[in-house]
Structure formats: structure tokens, C-alpha cells
């Protein structure tokens, strides 16, 4: 015991050794504190993102009682990022009449098609019968001038009531592109069409399950 005690006395009496130990302990405390701060920051960011998601879902379908996520309908290569079935009181009523396990009132779909200068993040609402009810630009990497053009209400309102296969033009299921932002306009159309395709996949799958039963 005396040998060990003498070693530590001599070691702690060495200024350089003491400095190394103190530096090591300081680094450990600092690393622990940093890890704790990072964990708290990540929690704050996750909570904020969850709140933003809830707000957006409510904007798409204000009357929905709940939103059920389903990633199985997202096709490979699609710009769709997330897909939600919006359930409300009418969903339960419809399910009772048709015998389907779950028949949503509609769908909230998040897509991120690529425009001229970058990604355009969209929120798309679709009714159960496949008609667009809502389109909003959540964020965009496009330059500000072009991004503002495709985020204009007069452009986005054109999508309401449109169905799968939307194109640029003057037809019944067509959209007028924004002057000076044709590529970005086509990107938004592509994103909405991807959302409609995901809805079509969901409905086809549910119909197949019903027929099998």
C-alpha cells in the first residue's frame, strides 16, 4: 500500500502529469456536456418538425380525426416522400357501408420534385375519389424570383379538381404554366401527378383486398 501511495504522491506532485490529468477530466466533462446539449437540441428539432408536420396535415385536411402513414404505396423513383390517409367521421361511416376495413376521407401527400434550380417541396391533398383538393409549396431551392412564381395562389388553385395525368395546356385536366417559370411549373405538376399515382396505388390495393375477401 505504501508503494502505491508513494507513486500517487509523486505523480500528483509532478506538474506536467497533473496538468494532463486535469486536461483529460476537463475534456470528459466538456464532451459529456456537449453530448447532453446535442441530445436536447435534437429533441427540440424533432418536436418542432413534428409540430410543423401536424400543422401542415391539418391545413390539408382540417376535419381529419387522425392521419395514418403508409409508405408501401410510394413507387421507386417517385418524388413522393410521405403518404398519409386522412381519417374522419365520414371514414368510419363509409367503412361500415362498403365493408372495407378502412376507407379514408382523403389523402395528404408530401412530394419533392426537382425544378430548374433544386427541389420544390409540396403538400398535396387528394379526395378519396382521386381529385386534387389542395396544393401548397412548403419550401423550395429555386431562386427566389422563380420560387415565388410557382408559390403563387393563382397557379396552385388551378390544380383543384384535377385528376391523374395533369399536363401543361388548355385541356380539362391541364394547367397553365407560369410565365418565366415553365420548368418549375412542370416540376410542380410532376410532383402532384406522383401524389395522385400514390393515391391510385392505395385505392387499387384496397379494392384488391376487398375483392379477395
C-alpha atoms as a PDB file:
ATOM      1  CA  UNK A   1       0.000   0.000   0.000  1.00  0.00           C
ATOM      2  CA  UNK A   2       2.847   2.375   0.820  1.00  0.00           C
ATOM      3  CA  UNK A   3       4.341   1.785  -2.623  1.00  0.00           C
ATOM      4  CA  UNK A   4       1.087   2.686  -4.321  1.00  0.00           C
ATOM      5  CA  UNK A   5       0.604   5.697  -2.055  1.00  0.00           C
ATOM      6  CA  UNK A   6       4.138   6.946  -2.743  1.00  0.00           C
ATOM      7  CA  UNK A   7       3.552   6.560  -6.512  1.00  0.00           C
ATOM      8  CA  UNK A   8       0.424   8.705  -6.482  1.00  0.00           C
ATOM      9  CA  UNK A   9       2.052  11.306  -4.246  1.00  0.00           C
ATOM     10  CA  UNK A  10       4.977  11.622  -6.623  1.00  0.00           C
ATOM     11  CA  UNK A  11       2.692  11.518  -9.669  1.00  0.00           C
ATOM     12  CA  UNK A  12       0.393  14.265  -8.385  1.00  0.00           C
ATOM     13  CA  UNK A  13       3.376  16.301  -7.382  1.00  0.00           C
ATOM     14  CA  UNK A  14       4.520  16.289 -10.988  1.00  0.00           C
ATOM     15  CA  UNK A  15       3.126  19.489 -12.523  1.00  0.00           C
ATOM     16  CA  UNK A  16       3.050  18.145 -16.069  1.00  0.00           C
ATOM     17  CA  UNK A  17       1.294  14.930 -15.048  1.00  0.00           C
ATOM     18  CA  UNK A  18      -1.235  16.857 -13.009  1.00  0.00           C
ATOM     19  CA  UNK A  19      -1.929  19.128 -15.974  1.00  0.00           C
ATOM     20  CA  UNK A  20      -2.531  16.105 -18.236  1.00  0.00           C
ATOM     21  CA  UNK A  21      -4.997  14.598 -15.751  1.00  0.00           C
ATOM     22  CA  UNK A  22      -6.871  17.873 -15.329  1.00  0.00           C
ATOM     23  CA  UNK A  23      -6.980  18.378 -19.089  1.00  0.00           C
ATOM     24  CA  UNK A  24      -8.352  14.852 -19.541  1.00  0.00           C
ATOM     25  CA  UNK A  25     -11.024  15.358 -16.890  1.00  0.00           C
ATOM     26  CA  UNK A  26     -11.990  18.714 -18.391  1.00  0.00           C
ATOM     27  CA  UNK A  27     -12.301  17.120 -21.828  1.00  0.00           C
ATOM     28  CA  UNK A  28     -14.510  14.350 -20.414  1.00  0.00           C
ATOM     29  CA  UNK A  29     -16.784  16.835 -18.661  1.00  0.00           C
ATOM     30  CA  UNK A  30     -16.920  19.003 -21.795  1.00  0.00           C
ATOM     31  CA  UNK A  31     -17.729  16.028 -24.024  1.00  0.00           C
ATOM     32  CA  UNK A  32     -20.467  14.921 -21.656  1.00  0.00           C
ATOM     33  CA  UNK A  33     -21.952  18.394 -21.545  1.00  0.00           C
ATOM     34  CA  UNK A  34     -21.786  18.672 -25.341  1.00  0.00           C
ATOM     35  CA  UNK A  35     -23.493  15.300 -25.755  1.00  0.00           C
ATOM     36  CA  UNK A  36     -26.251  16.389 -23.384  1.00  0.00           C
ATOM     37  CA  UNK A  37     -26.727  19.653 -25.286  1.00  0.00           C
ATOM     38  CA  UNK A  38     -26.822  17.782 -28.608  1.00  0.00           C
ATOM     39  CA  UNK A  39     -29.473  15.399 -27.267  1.00  0.00           C
ATOM     40  CA  UNK A  40     -31.609  18.292 -26.044  1.00  0.00           C
ATOM     41  CA  UNK A  41     -31.148  20.139 -29.349  1.00  0.00           C
ATOM     42  CA  UNK A  42     -32.128  17.055 -31.349  1.00  0.00           C
ATOM     43  CA  UNK A  43     -35.245  16.648 -29.202  1.00  0.00           C
ATOM     44  CA  UNK A  44     -36.175  20.304 -29.764  1.00  0.00           C
ATOM     45  CA  UNK A  45     -35.665  19.968 -33.538  1.00  0.00           C
ATOM     46  CA  UNK A  46     -37.671  16.725 -33.689  1.00  0.00           C
ATOM     47  CA  UNK A  47     -40.506  18.268 -31.669  1.00  0.00           C
ATOM     48  CA  UNK A  48     -40.507  21.351 -33.896  1.00  0.00           C
ATOM     49  CA  UNK A  49     -40.583  19.229 -37.057  1.00  0.00           C
ATOM     50  CA  UNK A  50     -43.403  17.112 -35.606  1.00  0.00           C
ATOM     51  CA  UNK A  51     -45.381  20.279 -34.828  1.00  0.00           C
ATOM     52  CA  UNK A  52     -44.830  21.611 -38.359  1.00  0.00           C
ATOM     53  CA  UNK A  53     -45.946  18.277 -39.817  1.00  0.00           C
ATOM     54  CA  UNK A  54     -49.141  18.339 -37.744  1.00  0.00           C
ATOM     55  CA  UNK A  55     -49.897  21.916 -38.833  1.00  0.00           C
ATOM     56  CA  UNK A  56     -49.410  21.034 -42.486  1.00  0.00           C
ATOM     57  CA  UNK A  57     -51.570  17.915 -42.239  1.00  0.00           C
ATOM     58  CA  UNK A  58     -54.308  19.996 -40.598  1.00  0.00           C
ATOM     59  CA  UNK A  59     -54.044  22.559 -43.395  1.00  0.00           C
ATOM     60  CA  UNK A  60     -54.530  19.799 -45.985  1.00  0.00           C
ATOM     61  CA  UNK A  61     -57.458  18.115 -44.148  1.00  0.00           C
ATOM     62  CA  UNK A  62     -58.761  20.322 -41.300  1.00  0.00           C
ATOM     63  CA  UNK A  63     -61.554  17.909 -40.325  1.00  0.00           C
ATOM     64  CA  UNK A  64     -59.465  14.735 -40.131  1.00  0.00           C
ATOM     65  CA  UNK A  65     -59.514  12.920 -36.793  1.00  0.00           C
ATOM     66  CA  UNK A  66     -56.199  11.205 -37.468  1.00  0.00           C
ATOM     67  CA  UNK A  67     -53.603  10.619 -40.167  1.00  0.00           C
ATOM     68  CA  UNK A  68     -52.238   7.144 -40.863  1.00  0.00           C
ATOM     69  CA  UNK A  69     -48.892   6.998 -42.644  1.00  0.00           C
ATOM     70  CA  UNK A  70     -48.386   4.389 -45.368  1.00  0.00           C
ATOM     71  CA  UNK A  71     -45.052   4.173 -47.198  1.00  0.00           C
ATOM     72  CA  UNK A  72     -45.885   0.988 -49.098  1.00  0.00           C
ATOM     73  CA  UNK A  73     -47.642   2.886 -51.905  1.00  0.00           C
ATOM     74  CA  UNK A  74     -44.624   5.057 -52.769  1.00  0.00           C
ATOM     75  CA  UNK A  75     -43.172   3.840 -56.070  1.00  0.00           C
ATOM     76  CA  UNK A  76     -39.437   3.643 -56.675  1.00  0.00           C
ATOM     77  CA  UNK A  77     -38.229   6.819 -58.364  1.00  0.00           C
ATOM     78  CA  UNK A  78     -41.296   8.776 -57.272  1.00  0.00           C
ATOM     79  CA  UNK A  79     -40.878  12.272 -55.862  1.00  0.00           C
ATOM     80  CA  UNK A  80     -43.308  11.353 -53.062  1.00  0.00           C
ATOM     81  CA  UNK A  81     -41.658  11.413 -49.632  1.00  0.00           C
ATOM     82  CA  UNK A  82     -44.542  10.696 -47.241  1.00  0.00           C
ATOM     83  CA  UNK A  83     -48.098   9.486 -47.670  1.00  0.00           C
ATOM     84  CA  UNK A  84     -50.953   9.774 -45.156  1.00  0.00           C
ATOM     85  CA  UNK A  85     -54.522   8.532 -45.203  1.00  0.00           C
ATOM     86  CA  UNK A  86     -56.799  11.140 -43.601  1.00  0.00           C
ATOM     87  CA  UNK A  87     -59.466   9.558 -41.415  1.00  0.00           C
ATOM     88  CA  UNK A  88     -62.541  11.405 -40.085  1.00  0.00           C
ATOM     89  CA  UNK A  89     -66.113  10.593 -39.032  1.00  0.00           C
ATOM     90  CA  UNK A  90     -67.145  10.001 -42.638  1.00  0.00           C
ATOM     91  CA  UNK A  91     -64.299   7.479 -42.955  1.00  0.00           C
ATOM     92  CA  UNK A  92     -65.897   5.264 -40.310  1.00  0.00           C
ATOM     93  CA  UNK A  93     -69.348   5.611 -41.901  1.00  0.00           C
ATOM     94  CA  UNK A  94     -68.042   4.676 -45.349  1.00  0.00           C
ATOM     95  CA  UNK A  95     -66.177   1.694 -43.970  1.00  0.00           C
ATOM     96  CA  UNK A  96     -69.401   0.387 -42.439  1.00  0.00           C
ATOM     97  CA  UNK A  97     -71.331   0.676 -45.699  1.00  0.00           C
ATOM     98  CA  UNK A  98     -68.717  -0.834 -48.008  1.00  0.00           C
ATOM     99  CA  UNK A  99     -67.204  -3.429 -45.743  1.00  0.00           C
ATOM    100  CA  UNK A 100     -63.696  -2.097 -46.230  1.00  0.00           C
ATOM    101  CA  UNK A 101     -61.513  -2.174 -43.127  1.00  0.00           C
ATOM    102  CA  UNK A 102     -60.528   1.475 -43.522  1.00  0.00           C
ATOM    103  CA  UNK A 103     -61.791   3.930 -46.100  1.00  0.00           C
ATOM    104  CA  UNK A 104     -60.130   7.357 -45.739  1.00  0.00           C
ATOM    105  CA  UNK A 105     -61.836  10.640 -46.416  1.00  0.00           C
ATOM    106  CA  UNK A 106     -58.780  11.533 -48.471  1.00  0.00           C
ATOM    107  CA  UNK A 107     -55.013  11.670 -48.518  1.00  0.00           C
ATOM    108  CA  UNK A 108     -52.217  14.060 -47.598  1.00  0.00           C
ATOM    109  CA  UNK A 109     -49.112  13.511 -49.686  1.00  0.00           C
ATOM    110  CA  UNK A 110     -45.691  15.158 -49.432  1.00  0.00           C
ATOM    111  CA  UNK A 111     -43.593  15.277 -52.606  1.00  0.00           C
ATOM    112  CA  UNK A 112     -40.286  16.873 -53.578  1.00  0.00           C
ATOM    113  CA  UNK A 113     -39.956  17.115 -57.372  1.00  0.00           C
ATOM    114  CA  UNK A 114     -36.841  18.707 -58.840  1.00  0.00           C
ATOM    115  CA  UNK A 115     -37.250  22.045 -60.581  1.00  0.00           C
ATOM    116  CA  UNK A 116     -34.772  24.139 -62.517  1.00  0.00           C
ATOM    117  CA  UNK A 117     -32.574  25.096 -59.583  1.00  0.00           C
ATOM    118  CA  UNK A 118     -33.402  22.498 -56.975  1.00  0.00           C
ATOM    119  CA  UNK A 119     -36.097  20.657 -55.079  1.00  0.00           C
ATOM    120  CA  UNK A 120     -39.637  22.030 -54.635  1.00  0.00           C
ATOM    121  CA  UNK A 121     -41.316  20.618 -51.517  1.00  0.00           C
ATOM    122  CA  UNK A 122     -45.079  20.172 -51.877  1.00  0.00           C
ATOM    123  CA  UNK A 123     -48.044  19.218 -49.730  1.00  0.00           C
ATOM    124  CA  UNK A 124     -50.863  17.740 -51.815  1.00  0.00           C
ATOM    125  CA  UNK A 125     -54.404  16.911 -50.700  1.00  0.00           C
ATOM    126  CA  UNK A 126     -56.414  14.345 -52.663  1.00  0.00           C
ATOM    127  CA  UNK A 127     -60.002  13.215 -52.101  1.00  0.00           C
ATOM    128  CA  UNK A 128     -60.833   9.511 -51.948  1.00  0.00           C
ATOM    129  CA  UNK A 129     -62.254   9.671 -55.474  1.00  0.00           C
ATOM    130  CA  UNK A 130     -58.892  10.886 -56.807  1.00  0.00           C
ATOM    131  CA  UNK A 131     -59.396  14.637 -57.227  1.00  0.00           C
ATOM    132  CA  UNK A 132     -56.866  17.208 -56.035  1.00  0.00           C
ATOM    133  CA  UNK A 133     -58.210  19.291 -53.153  1.00  0.00           C
ATOM    134  CA  UNK A 134     -55.104  21.157 -52.004  1.00  0.00           C
ATOM    135  CA  UNK A 135     -51.602  22.067 -53.216  1.00  0.00           C
ATOM    136  CA  UNK A 136     -49.068  24.108 -51.274  1.00  0.00           C
ATOM    137  CA  UNK A 137     -45.366  24.861 -51.759  1.00  0.00           C
ATOM    138  CA  UNK A 138     -43.710  24.228 -48.392  1.00  0.00           C
ATOM    139  CA  UNK A 139     -40.160  25.113 -49.393  1.00  0.00           C
ATOM    140  CA  UNK A 140     -38.020  25.421 -52.499  1.00  0.00           C
ATOM    141  CA  UNK A 141     -34.379  25.538 -53.543  1.00  0.00           C
ATOM    142  CA  UNK A 142     -35.310  27.538 -56.626  1.00  0.00           C
ATOM    143  CA  UNK A 143     -34.049  31.103 -56.871  1.00  0.00           C
ATOM    144  CA  UNK A 144     -36.377  33.467 -55.037  1.00  0.00           C
ATOM    145  CA  UNK A 145     -37.949  35.030 -58.127  1.00  0.00           C
ATOM    146  CA  UNK A 146     -38.893  31.692 -59.715  1.00  0.00           C
ATOM    147  CA  UNK A 147     -39.844  30.089 -56.392  1.00  0.00           C
ATOM    148  CA  UNK A 148     -42.280  32.923 -55.724  1.00  0.00           C
ATOM    149  CA  UNK A 149     -43.937  32.404 -59.106  1.00  0.00           C
ATOM    150  CA  UNK A 150     -44.808  28.732 -58.543  1.00  0.00           C
ATOM    151  CA  UNK A 151     -45.855  29.513 -54.970  1.00  0.00           C
ATOM    152  CA  UNK A 152     -48.472  31.922 -56.257  1.00  0.00           C
ATOM    153  CA  UNK A 153     -52.057  31.123 -55.313  1.00  0.00           C
ATOM    154  CA  UNK A 154     -53.435  31.712 -58.791  1.00  0.00           C
ATOM    155  CA  UNK A 155     -51.142  28.981 -60.147  1.00  0.00           C
ATOM    156  CA  UNK A 156     -51.720  26.471 -57.352  1.00  0.00           C
ATOM    157  CA  UNK A 157     -55.521  26.902 -57.354  1.00  0.00           C
ATOM    158  CA  UNK A 158     -55.589  25.521 -60.902  1.00  0.00           C
ATOM    159  CA  UNK A 159     -54.899  22.053 -59.508  1.00  0.00           C
ATOM    160  CA  UNK A 160     -58.147  21.806 -57.556  1.00  0.00           C
ATOM    161  CA  UNK A 161     -60.412  19.174 -59.023  1.00  0.00           C
ATOM    162  CA  UNK A 162     -57.749  17.843 -61.381  1.00  0.00           C
ATOM    163  CA  UNK A 163     -57.070  14.109 -61.607  1.00  0.00           C
ATOM    164  CA  UNK A 164     -54.176  11.822 -62.543  1.00  0.00           C
ATOM    165  CA  UNK A 165     -52.357  12.727 -65.746  1.00  0.00           C
ATOM    166  CA  UNK A 166     -52.257  16.513 -65.318  1.00  0.00           C
ATOM    167  CA  UNK A 167     -50.368  18.257 -68.110  1.00  0.00           C
ATOM    168  CA  UNK A 168     -49.460  21.750 -69.285  1.00  0.00           C
ATOM    169  CA  UNK A 169     -52.017  23.182 -71.692  1.00  0.00           C
ATOM    170  CA  UNK A 170     -55.624  24.286 -72.045  1.00  0.00           C
ATOM    171  CA  UNK A 171     -57.436  20.973 -71.678  1.00  0.00           C
ATOM    172  CA  UNK A 172     -59.878  19.937 -68.976  1.00  0.00           C
ATOM    173  CA  UNK A 173     -57.139  18.225 -66.967  1.00  0.00           C
ATOM    174  CA  UNK A 174     -54.407  20.722 -67.833  1.00  0.00           C
ATOM    175  CA  UNK A 175     -52.603  23.549 -66.052  1.00  0.00           C
ATOM    176  CA  UNK A 176     -51.333  26.857 -67.407  1.00  0.00           C
ATOM    177  CA  UNK A 177     -47.600  27.083 -66.691  1.00  0.00           C
ATOM    178  CA  UNK A 178     -46.310  30.234 -65.028  1.00  0.00           C
ATOM    179  CA  UNK A 179     -44.648  32.613 -67.486  1.00  0.00           C
ATOM    180  CA  UNK A 180     -40.913  32.656 -66.868  1.00  0.00           C
ATOM    181  CA  UNK A 181     -41.045  29.518 -64.729  1.00  0.00           C
ATOM    182  CA  UNK A 182     -42.086  26.770 -67.135  1.00  0.00           C
ATOM    183  CA  UNK A 183     -39.606  24.188 -65.841  1.00  0.00           C
ATOM    184  CA  UNK A 184     -40.597  24.808 -62.240  1.00  0.00           C
ATOM    185  CA  UNK A 185     -44.284  24.687 -63.214  1.00  0.00           C
ATOM    186  CA  UNK A 186     -43.748  21.304 -64.847  1.00  0.00           C
ATOM    187  CA  UNK A 187     -41.916  20.139 -61.715  1.00  0.00           C
ATOM    188  CA  UNK A 188     -44.897  21.020 -59.535  1.00  0.00           C
ATOM    189  CA  UNK A 189     -47.197  19.207 -61.969  1.00  0.00           C
ATOM    190  CA  UNK A 190     -44.912  16.162 -61.845  1.00  0.00           C
ATOM    191  CA  UNK A 191     -44.998  16.197 -58.043  1.00  0.00           C
ATOM    192  CA  UNK A 192     -48.799  16.399 -57.972  1.00  0.00           C
ATOM    193  CA  UNK A 193     -49.029  13.580 -60.537  1.00  0.00           C
ATOM    194  CA  UNK A 194     -46.721  11.459 -58.365  1.00  0.00           C
ATOM    195  CA  UNK A 195     -49.019  12.136 -55.411  1.00  0.00           C
ATOM    196  CA  UNK A 196     -52.058  11.110 -57.476  1.00  0.00           C
ATOM    197  CA  UNK A 197     -50.257   7.944 -58.605  1.00  0.00           C
ATOM    198  CA  UNK A 198     -49.606   7.008 -54.966  1.00  0.00           C
ATOM    199  CA  UNK A 199     -53.290   7.559 -54.177  1.00  0.00           C
ATOM    200  CA  UNK A 200     -54.240   5.397 -57.146  1.00  0.00           C
ATOM    201  CA  UNK A 201     -51.965   2.637 -55.866  1.00  0.00           C
ATOM    202  CA  UNK A 202     -53.554   2.844 -52.416  1.00  0.00           C
ATOM    203  CA  UNK A 203     -57.112   2.650 -53.780  1.00  0.00           C
ATOM    204  CA  UNK A 204     -56.233  -0.216 -56.145  1.00  0.00           C
ATOM    205  CA  UNK A 205     -54.655  -2.163 -53.308  1.00  0.00           C
ATOM    206  CA  UNK A 206     -57.650  -1.639 -51.031  1.00  0.00           C
ATOM    207  CA  UNK A 207     -60.027  -2.729 -53.817  1.00  0.00           C
ATOM    208  CA  UNK A 208     -57.962  -5.876 -54.362  1.00  0.00           C
ATOM    209  CA  UNK A 209     -58.042  -6.721 -50.674  1.00  0.00           C
ATOM    210  CA  UNK A 210     -61.802  -6.196 -50.600  1.00  0.00           C
ATOM    211  CA  UNK A 211     -62.371  -8.418 -53.651  1.00  0.00           C
ATOM    212  CA  UNK A 212     -60.196 -11.151 -52.146  1.00  0.00           C
ATOM    213  CA  UNK A 213     -62.429 -11.165 -49.079  1.00  0.00           C
END
